[in-house]
Amino acid sequence: MKLHELRDNPGAAKKAKRVGRGPGSGKGKMAGRGIKGQKSRSGVAINAYEGGQMPLYQRLPKRGFTKPNRKEYAVVNLGMIQKFIEAGKIDGKAEITEDALVASGLVRRKLDGIRVLAKGDVTTKLTLAVTGASKSAIEAVEKAGGTLTVAQAAAAE
């Protein structure tokens, strides 16, 4: 086989139908768009319009409620904090604050605060000060001989 003999498999590459290229093409004159009207013009997309029939998004029931002032917390797992301490990115001896977690690169940004979850093991004696924490995370830190303090603003809600 030579380079000039290379061919794609038959049917693998299909030529695009060129519309509006004369009557011989089978899609000449109006290019399959019909006569006049909004849909025959270019630059028109009638999203979700179903020809006057009630659109699907209106037929389906609406449920629930989205709280406009909902708090969004950055989530950190205990296992990741332990990993960062072992890597030397966080000082395990000093108090670990939210700013320290951001500075170490464990959390990108604080959002409405940082919440600690209990996934992973903690072996170091930690002193954590964060906005929120799960009960199991607090137990896990205290079991390792450390303390986890949660800010009062989050506890009041």
N, C-alpha and C. Protein backbone atom coordinates (compact mmCIF):
# COMPACT_ATOMS: atom_id res chain seq x y z
N MET A 1 0.85 -1.19 0.00
CA MET A 1 0.00 0.00 0.00
C MET A 1 0.88 1.24 0.00
N LYS A 2 0.50 2.19 -0.81
CA LYS A 2 1.25 3.44 -0.89
C LYS A 2 0.42 4.58 -0.31
N LEU A 3 1.10 5.66 -0.05
CA LEU A 3 0.45 6.80 0.59
C LEU A 3 -0.74 7.32 -0.21
N HIS A 4 -0.63 7.34 -1.53
CA HIS A 4 -1.73 7.87 -2.35
C HIS A 4 -2.90 6.90 -2.46
N GLU A 5 -2.73 5.66 -1.97
CA GLU A 5 -3.81 4.69 -2.02
C GLU A 5 -4.68 4.69 -0.75
N LEU A 6 -4.28 5.48 0.24
CA LEU A 6 -5.06 5.54 1.49
C LEU A 6 -6.43 6.15 1.25
N ARG A 7 -7.47 5.51 1.72
CA ARG A 7 -8.84 6.00 1.60
C ARG A 7 -9.58 5.75 2.90
N ASP A 8 -10.54 6.60 3.18
CA ASP A 8 -11.40 6.37 4.34
C ASP A 8 -12.34 5.21 4.04
N ASN A 9 -12.88 4.58 5.07
CA ASN A 9 -13.84 3.50 4.86
C ASN A 9 -15.07 4.06 4.15
N PRO A 10 -15.68 3.27 3.27
CA PRO A 10 -16.87 3.78 2.58
C PRO A 10 -17.99 4.09 3.59
N GLY A 11 -18.56 5.28 3.46
CA GLY A 11 -19.65 5.68 4.36
C GLY A 11 -19.15 6.35 5.64
N ALA A 12 -17.83 6.38 5.86
CA ALA A 12 -17.31 6.98 7.09
C ALA A 12 -17.40 8.50 7.05
N ALA A 13 -17.12 9.09 5.91
CA ALA A 13 -17.21 10.54 5.78
C ALA A 13 -18.34 10.87 4.83
N LYS A 14 -19.39 11.53 5.36
CA LYS A 14 -20.54 11.86 4.54
C LYS A 14 -20.47 13.33 4.16
N LYS A 15 -20.66 13.63 2.89
CA LYS A 15 -20.62 15.01 2.43
C LYS A 15 -21.85 15.75 2.96
N ALA A 16 -21.61 16.98 3.41
CA ALA A 16 -22.72 17.79 3.91
C ALA A 16 -23.61 18.21 2.74
N LYS A 17 -24.92 18.27 2.99
CA LYS A 17 -25.86 18.69 1.96
C LYS A 17 -25.76 20.20 1.79
N ARG A 18 -25.39 20.65 0.59
CA ARG A 18 -25.28 22.09 0.34
C ARG A 18 -26.62 22.62 -0.14
N VAL A 19 -27.26 23.41 0.71
CA VAL A 19 -28.60 23.90 0.39
C VAL A 19 -28.51 25.25 -0.31
N GLY A 20 -29.55 25.56 -1.09
CA GLY A 20 -29.62 26.84 -1.78
C GLY A 20 -28.59 26.97 -2.89
N ARG A 21 -28.31 25.86 -3.62
CA ARG A 21 -27.31 25.91 -4.69
C ARG A 21 -27.92 25.48 -6.03
N GLY A 22 -29.12 25.96 -6.30
CA GLY A 22 -29.73 25.71 -7.60
C GLY A 22 -30.71 24.55 -7.59
N PRO A 23 -31.61 24.51 -8.59
CA PRO A 23 -32.68 23.50 -8.64
C PRO A 23 -32.15 22.08 -8.81
N GLY A 24 -31.00 21.92 -9.41
CA GLY A 24 -30.47 20.57 -9.63
C GLY A 24 -30.06 19.87 -8.35
N SER A 25 -29.84 20.62 -7.31
CA SER A 25 -29.35 20.02 -6.06
C SER A 25 -30.45 19.33 -5.27
N GLY A 26 -31.70 19.67 -5.59
CA GLY A 26 -32.82 19.11 -4.82
C GLY A 26 -33.14 19.93 -3.58
N LYS A 27 -32.26 20.88 -3.26
CA LYS A 27 -32.53 21.78 -2.13
C LYS A 27 -32.22 23.21 -2.58
N GLY A 28 -32.73 23.56 -3.76
CA GLY A 28 -32.46 24.89 -4.31
C GLY A 28 -33.49 25.89 -3.84
N LYS A 29 -33.50 27.06 -4.43
CA LYS A 29 -34.43 28.15 -4.16
C LYS A 29 -34.61 28.45 -2.67
N MET A 30 -35.52 27.76 -1.96
CA MET A 30 -35.80 28.10 -0.57
C MET A 30 -34.98 27.28 0.43
N ALA A 31 -34.19 26.37 -0.06
CA ALA A 31 -33.30 25.57 0.79
C ALA A 31 -34.02 24.79 1.88
N GLY A 32 -35.25 24.35 1.58
CA GLY A 32 -35.98 23.51 2.53
C GLY A 32 -36.58 24.26 3.70
N ARG A 33 -36.60 25.62 3.60
CA ARG A 33 -37.12 26.41 4.72
C ARG A 33 -38.58 26.84 4.51
N GLY A 34 -39.16 26.48 3.39
CA GLY A 34 -40.53 26.88 3.13
C GLY A 34 -40.61 28.32 2.63
N ILE A 35 -41.82 28.88 2.64
CA ILE A 35 -42.02 30.22 2.10
C ILE A 35 -42.22 31.22 3.23
N LYS A 36 -41.47 32.30 3.19
CA LYS A 36 -41.60 33.42 4.13
C LYS A 36 -41.68 33.00 5.60
N GLY A 37 -42.06 33.92 6.43
CA GLY A 37 -42.26 33.63 7.84
C GLY A 37 -40.97 33.70 8.65
N GLN A 38 -41.15 33.72 9.95
CA GLN A 38 -40.03 33.89 10.88
C GLN A 38 -38.97 32.80 10.72
N LYS A 39 -39.42 31.56 10.52
CA LYS A 39 -38.48 30.45 10.49
C LYS A 39 -37.70 30.36 9.18
N SER A 40 -38.11 31.12 8.18
CA SER A 40 -37.36 31.09 6.93
C SER A 40 -36.20 32.07 6.97
N ARG A 41 -36.24 33.00 7.92
CA ARG A 41 -35.18 34.00 8.04
C ARG A 41 -33.99 33.42 8.79
N SER A 42 -32.86 34.07 8.62
CA SER A 42 -31.68 33.61 9.35
C SER A 42 -31.64 34.26 10.72
N GLY A 43 -30.91 33.62 11.65
CA GLY A 43 -30.73 34.18 12.98
C GLY A 43 -31.94 34.07 13.87
N VAL A 44 -32.79 33.06 13.64
CA VAL A 44 -33.98 32.90 14.47
C VAL A 44 -33.95 31.54 15.13
N ALA A 45 -34.04 31.53 16.45
CA ALA A 45 -34.18 30.26 17.18
C ALA A 45 -35.33 30.44 18.14
N ILE A 46 -36.35 29.66 17.95
CA ILE A 46 -37.53 29.79 18.80
C ILE A 46 -37.46 28.67 19.82
N ASN A 47 -36.69 28.89 20.87
CA ASN A 47 -36.48 27.86 21.87
C ASN A 47 -37.75 27.57 22.65
N ALA A 48 -38.01 26.30 22.86
CA ALA A 48 -39.12 25.81 23.68
C ALA A 48 -40.49 26.21 23.13
N TYR A 49 -40.54 26.76 21.91
CA TYR A 49 -41.83 27.11 21.33
C TYR A 49 -42.39 25.88 20.64
N GLU A 50 -43.63 25.55 20.97
CA GLU A 50 -44.22 24.33 20.45
C GLU A 50 -45.45 24.61 19.60
N GLY A 51 -45.39 25.66 18.80
CA GLY A 51 -46.46 25.97 17.87
C GLY A 51 -47.76 26.34 18.53
N GLY A 52 -47.71 26.97 19.68
CA GLY A 52 -48.93 27.37 20.37
C GLY A 52 -49.37 26.37 21.42
N GLN A 53 -48.92 25.12 21.30
CA GLN A 53 -49.20 24.13 22.35
C GLN A 53 -48.47 24.56 23.61
N MET A 54 -49.06 24.26 24.77
CA MET A 54 -48.43 24.64 26.04
C MET A 54 -47.07 23.96 26.14
N PRO A 55 -45.99 24.73 26.24
CA PRO A 55 -44.65 24.13 26.25
C PRO A 55 -44.42 23.21 27.44
N LEU A 56 -43.52 22.27 27.25
CA LEU A 56 -43.24 21.26 28.27
C LEU A 56 -42.85 21.89 29.60
N TYR A 57 -42.02 22.92 29.56
CA TYR A 57 -41.56 23.52 30.82
C TYR A 57 -42.70 24.18 31.59
N GLN A 58 -43.79 24.51 30.89
CA GLN A 58 -44.95 25.08 31.58
C GLN A 58 -45.93 24.01 32.02
N ARG A 59 -45.90 22.85 31.34
CA ARG A 59 -46.83 21.78 31.69
C ARG A 59 -46.40 21.03 32.94
N LEU A 60 -45.10 20.99 33.19
CA LEU A 60 -44.61 20.22 34.33
C LEU A 60 -44.84 20.98 35.64
N PRO A 61 -45.13 20.25 36.73
CA PRO A 61 -45.38 20.95 38.00
C PRO A 61 -44.11 21.55 38.57
N LYS A 62 -44.26 22.70 39.21
CA LYS A 62 -43.14 23.34 39.88
C LYS A 62 -43.20 22.92 41.36
N ARG A 63 -42.04 22.53 41.90
CA ARG A 63 -42.03 22.11 43.30
C ARG A 63 -40.87 22.75 44.03
N GLY A 64 -41.04 22.90 45.32
CA GLY A 64 -39.94 23.34 46.15
C GLY A 64 -39.78 24.84 46.18
N PHE A 65 -38.71 25.24 46.82
CA PHE A 65 -38.44 26.64 47.06
C PHE A 65 -36.94 26.83 47.11
N THR A 66 -36.43 27.84 46.43
CA THR A 66 -35.01 28.14 46.48
C THR A 66 -34.80 29.37 47.34
N LYS A 67 -34.11 29.16 48.45
CA LYS A 67 -33.88 30.24 49.41
C LYS A 67 -32.92 31.26 48.78
N PRO A 68 -33.32 32.54 48.68
CA PRO A 68 -32.48 33.51 48.00
C PRO A 68 -31.19 33.85 48.76
N ASN A 69 -31.22 33.74 50.09
CA ASN A 69 -30.04 34.13 50.88
C ASN A 69 -29.35 32.90 51.51
N ARG A 70 -29.43 31.78 50.79
CA ARG A 70 -28.87 30.52 51.29
C ARG A 70 -27.36 30.64 51.49
N LYS A 71 -26.87 30.08 52.59
CA LYS A 71 -25.43 30.12 52.87
C LYS A 71 -24.75 28.96 52.15
N GLU A 72 -23.59 29.25 51.59
CA GLU A 72 -22.83 28.21 50.91
C GLU A 72 -21.46 28.11 51.54
N TYR A 73 -21.15 26.92 52.04
CA TYR A 73 -19.89 26.73 52.76
C TYR A 73 -18.88 25.98 51.90
N ALA A 74 -17.62 26.32 52.09
CA ALA A 74 -16.54 25.54 51.49
C ALA A 74 -16.37 24.30 52.38
N VAL A 75 -16.27 23.13 51.78
CA VAL A 75 -16.24 21.89 52.56
C VAL A 75 -14.82 21.32 52.58
N VAL A 76 -14.39 20.91 53.78
CA VAL A 76 -13.06 20.31 53.95
C VAL A 76 -13.22 19.02 54.74
N ASN A 77 -12.54 17.97 54.31
CA ASN A 77 -12.56 16.71 55.04
C ASN A 77 -11.37 16.62 55.97
N LEU A 78 -11.57 15.96 57.11
CA LEU A 78 -10.49 15.82 58.09
C LEU A 78 -9.27 15.12 57.51
N GLY A 79 -9.52 14.12 56.66
CA GLY A 79 -8.43 13.37 56.04
C GLY A 79 -7.52 14.28 55.23
N MET A 80 -8.10 15.28 54.54
CA MET A 80 -7.32 16.20 53.73
C MET A 80 -6.48 17.12 54.62
N ILE A 81 -7.06 17.56 55.75
CA ILE A 81 -6.31 18.41 56.68
C ILE A 81 -5.10 17.64 57.19
N GLN A 82 -5.31 16.35 57.55
CA GLN A 82 -4.22 15.50 58.03
C GLN A 82 -3.14 15.34 56.96
N LYS A 83 -3.55 15.16 55.73
CA LYS A 83 -2.63 15.00 54.61
C LYS A 83 -1.76 16.26 54.43
N PHE A 84 -2.41 17.43 54.54
CA PHE A 84 -1.68 18.69 54.38
C PHE A 84 -0.71 18.94 55.52
N ILE A 85 -1.06 18.48 56.74
CA ILE A 85 -0.15 18.62 57.89
C ILE A 85 1.07 17.74 57.67
N GLU A 86 0.84 16.49 57.21
CA GLU A 86 1.95 15.57 56.95
C GLU A 86 2.86 16.09 55.84
N ALA A 87 2.26 16.78 54.85
CA ALA A 87 3.05 17.33 53.75
C ALA A 87 3.77 18.62 54.16
N GLY A 88 3.43 19.14 55.33
CA GLY A 88 4.08 20.36 55.83
C GLY A 88 3.48 21.64 55.28
N LYS A 89 2.29 21.55 54.68
CA LYS A 89 1.65 22.73 54.12
C LYS A 89 0.87 23.50 55.19
N ILE A 90 0.47 22.78 56.24
CA ILE A 90 -0.23 23.41 57.37
C ILE A 90 0.56 23.10 58.63
N ASP A 91 0.68 24.11 59.52
CA ASP A 91 1.37 23.91 60.80
C ASP A 91 0.38 23.27 61.77
N GLY A 92 0.60 22.01 62.12
CA GLY A 92 -0.31 21.27 62.99
C GLY A 92 -0.26 21.71 64.43
N LYS A 93 0.87 22.33 64.85
CA LYS A 93 1.04 22.74 66.25
C LYS A 93 0.21 23.99 66.56
N ALA A 94 0.19 24.94 65.61
CA ALA A 94 -0.54 26.19 65.82
C ALA A 94 -2.04 25.97 65.59
N GLU A 95 -2.84 26.99 65.96
CA GLU A 95 -4.29 26.91 65.73
C GLU A 95 -4.55 27.03 64.23
N ILE A 96 -5.38 26.14 63.71
CA ILE A 96 -5.70 26.16 62.28
C ILE A 96 -6.99 26.95 62.10
N THR A 97 -6.86 28.12 61.49
CA THR A 97 -8.02 28.98 61.23
C THR A 97 -8.44 28.83 59.77
N GLU A 98 -9.54 29.48 59.43
CA GLU A 98 -10.01 29.43 58.04
C GLU A 98 -9.00 30.09 57.11
N ASP A 99 -8.37 31.17 57.57
CA ASP A 99 -7.37 31.86 56.75
C ASP A 99 -6.17 30.96 56.48
N ALA A 100 -5.79 30.16 57.48
CA ALA A 100 -4.66 29.24 57.32
C ALA A 100 -4.99 28.17 56.28
N LEU A 101 -6.24 27.71 56.27
CA LEU A 101 -6.66 26.70 55.29
C LEU A 101 -6.64 27.26 53.88
N VAL A 102 -7.03 28.53 53.74
CA VAL A 102 -7.02 29.18 52.42
C VAL A 102 -5.58 29.40 51.97
N ALA A 103 -4.73 29.87 52.90
CA ALA A 103 -3.33 30.16 52.58
C ALA A 103 -2.58 28.89 52.16
N SER A 104 -2.95 27.75 52.75
CA SER A 104 -2.26 26.48 52.43
C SER A 104 -2.68 25.94 51.07
N GLY A 105 -3.81 26.43 50.56
CA GLY A 105 -4.30 25.97 49.25
C GLY A 105 -5.28 24.82 49.36
N LEU A 106 -5.62 24.42 50.58
CA LEU A 106 -6.59 23.33 50.78
C LEU A 106 -7.99 23.78 50.36
N VAL A 107 -8.30 25.06 50.62
CA VAL A 107 -9.59 25.64 50.24
C VAL A 107 -9.29 26.80 49.31
N ARG A 108 -10.05 26.91 48.23
CA ARG A 108 -9.80 28.01 47.29
C ARG A 108 -10.30 29.33 47.85
N ARG A 109 -11.57 29.33 48.29
CA ARG A 109 -12.10 30.55 48.90
C ARG A 109 -13.10 30.18 49.99
N LYS A 110 -13.27 31.11 50.94
CA LYS A 110 -14.07 30.81 52.14
C LYS A 110 -15.57 30.73 51.88
N LEU A 111 -16.07 31.43 50.87
CA LEU A 111 -17.51 31.57 50.63
C LEU A 111 -18.16 32.13 51.89
N ASP A 112 -19.18 31.46 52.46
CA ASP A 112 -19.81 31.96 53.69
C ASP A 112 -19.16 31.35 54.93
N GLY A 113 -18.07 30.67 54.75
CA GLY A 113 -17.37 30.01 55.86
C GLY A 113 -16.90 28.63 55.43
N ILE A 114 -16.15 27.99 56.31
CA ILE A 114 -15.63 26.66 56.00
C ILE A 114 -16.27 25.65 56.95
N ARG A 115 -16.71 24.54 56.39
CA ARG A 115 -17.34 23.48 57.18
C ARG A 115 -16.49 22.23 57.11
N VAL A 116 -16.21 21.65 58.26
CA VAL A 116 -15.35 20.47 58.33
C VAL A 116 -16.21 19.22 58.44
N LEU A 117 -15.91 18.22 57.60
CA LEU A 117 -16.62 16.94 57.63
C LEU A 117 -15.65 15.84 58.06
N ALA A 118 -16.21 14.70 58.50
CA ALA A 118 -15.39 13.69 59.17
C ALA A 118 -14.80 12.62 58.26
N LYS A 119 -14.77 12.85 56.95
CA LYS A 119 -14.23 11.82 56.06
C LYS A 119 -12.71 11.76 56.22
N GLY A 120 -12.19 10.57 56.41
CA GLY A 120 -10.75 10.39 56.59
C GLY A 120 -10.38 10.32 58.07
N ASP A 121 -9.13 9.94 58.34
CA ASP A 121 -8.67 9.78 59.72
C ASP A 121 -7.81 10.96 60.14
N VAL A 122 -7.89 11.28 61.44
CA VAL A 122 -7.05 12.33 62.00
C VAL A 122 -6.21 11.70 63.11
N THR A 123 -4.89 11.89 63.04
CA THR A 123 -4.01 11.30 64.06
C THR A 123 -3.31 12.39 64.86
N THR A 124 -3.19 13.59 64.28
CA THR A 124 -2.51 14.70 64.94
C THR A 124 -3.46 15.40 65.90
N LYS A 125 -2.89 15.94 66.99
CA LYS A 125 -3.68 16.73 67.94
C LYS A 125 -3.91 18.10 67.31
N LEU A 126 -5.13 18.38 66.90
CA LEU A 126 -5.44 19.61 66.16
C LEU A 126 -6.18 20.63 67.01
N THR A 127 -5.99 21.90 66.69
CA THR A 127 -6.81 22.98 67.23
C THR A 127 -7.41 23.70 66.03
N LEU A 128 -8.68 23.44 65.77
CA LEU A 128 -9.35 24.00 64.59
C LEU A 128 -10.36 25.06 65.00
N ALA A 129 -10.43 26.14 64.23
CA ALA A 129 -11.45 27.17 64.43
C ALA A 129 -12.11 27.44 63.09
N VAL A 130 -13.35 26.95 62.90
CA VAL A 130 -14.05 27.08 61.63
C VAL A 130 -15.49 27.53 61.84
N THR A 131 -16.19 27.80 60.73
CA THR A 131 -17.57 28.27 60.81
C THR A 131 -18.53 27.13 61.16
N GLY A 132 -18.26 25.94 60.61
CA GLY A 132 -19.16 24.81 60.85
C GLY A 132 -18.42 23.49 60.86
N ALA A 133 -19.05 22.50 61.48
CA ALA A 133 -18.46 21.16 61.51
C ALA A 133 -19.55 20.15 61.81
N SER A 134 -19.40 18.95 61.26
CA SER A 134 -20.37 17.90 61.56
C SER A 134 -20.05 17.32 62.93
N LYS A 135 -21.06 16.72 63.57
CA LYS A 135 -20.88 16.15 64.91
C LYS A 135 -19.79 15.09 64.91
N SER A 136 -19.79 14.27 63.87
CA SER A 136 -18.80 13.20 63.79
C SER A 136 -17.39 13.76 63.63
N ALA A 137 -17.26 14.92 62.96
CA ALA A 137 -15.95 15.56 62.79
C ALA A 137 -15.43 16.07 64.13
N ILE A 138 -16.33 16.68 64.92
CA ILE A 138 -15.95 17.18 66.24
C ILE A 138 -15.50 16.01 67.12
N GLU A 139 -16.26 14.90 67.08
CA GLU A 139 -15.90 13.71 67.87
C GLU A 139 -14.54 13.16 67.46
N ALA A 140 -14.29 13.10 66.15
CA ALA A 140 -13.05 12.54 65.63
C ALA A 140 -11.84 13.37 66.08
N VAL A 141 -11.98 14.71 66.06
CA VAL A 141 -10.88 15.59 66.47
C VAL A 141 -10.62 15.45 67.96
N GLU A 142 -11.72 15.41 68.75
CA GLU A 142 -11.57 15.28 70.20
C GLU A 142 -11.00 13.92 70.59
N LYS A 143 -11.33 12.89 69.83
CA LYS A 143 -10.80 11.54 70.06
C LYS A 143 -9.28 11.52 69.87
N ALA A 144 -8.80 12.35 68.89
CA ALA A 144 -7.36 12.44 68.62
C ALA A 144 -6.66 13.36 69.61
N GLY A 145 -7.43 13.94 70.55
CA GLY A 145 -6.85 14.78 71.59
C GLY A 145 -6.85 16.26 71.25
N GLY A 146 -7.55 16.66 70.20
CA GLY A 146 -7.57 18.06 69.79
C GLY A 146 -8.88 18.73 70.12
N THR A 147 -9.03 19.98 69.67
CA THR A 147 -10.28 20.71 69.88
C THR A 147 -10.74 21.30 68.56
N LEU A 148 -12.06 21.35 68.37
CA LEU A 148 -12.64 21.94 67.18
C LEU A 148 -13.68 22.94 67.63
N THR A 149 -13.42 24.22 67.45
CA THR A 149 -14.38 25.25 67.86
C THR A 149 -15.13 25.75 66.63
N VAL A 150 -16.44 25.88 66.83
CA VAL A 150 -17.30 26.34 65.75
C VAL A 150 -17.74 27.76 66.05
N ALA A 151 -17.67 28.65 65.07
CA ALA A 151 -18.05 30.06 65.26
C ALA A 151 -19.51 30.17 65.68
N GLN A 152 -19.81 31.16 66.52
CA GLN A 152 -21.15 31.30 67.10
C GLN A 152 -22.20 31.70 66.08
N ALA A 153 -21.81 32.43 65.03
CA ALA A 153 -22.78 32.91 64.03
C ALA A 153 -23.48 31.74 63.35
N ALA A 154 -22.72 30.68 63.05
CA ALA A 154 -23.31 29.52 62.38
C ALA A 154 -24.14 28.69 63.35
N ALA A 155 -23.72 28.65 64.63
CA ALA A 155 -24.43 27.85 65.62
C ALA A 155 -25.80 28.44 65.94
N ALA A 156 -25.93 29.79 65.81
CA ALA A 156 -27.20 30.46 66.14
C ALA A 156 -28.28 30.16 65.11
N GLU A 157 -27.89 29.82 63.87
CA GLU A 157 -28.89 29.59 62.83
C GLU A 157 -29.62 28.27 63.02
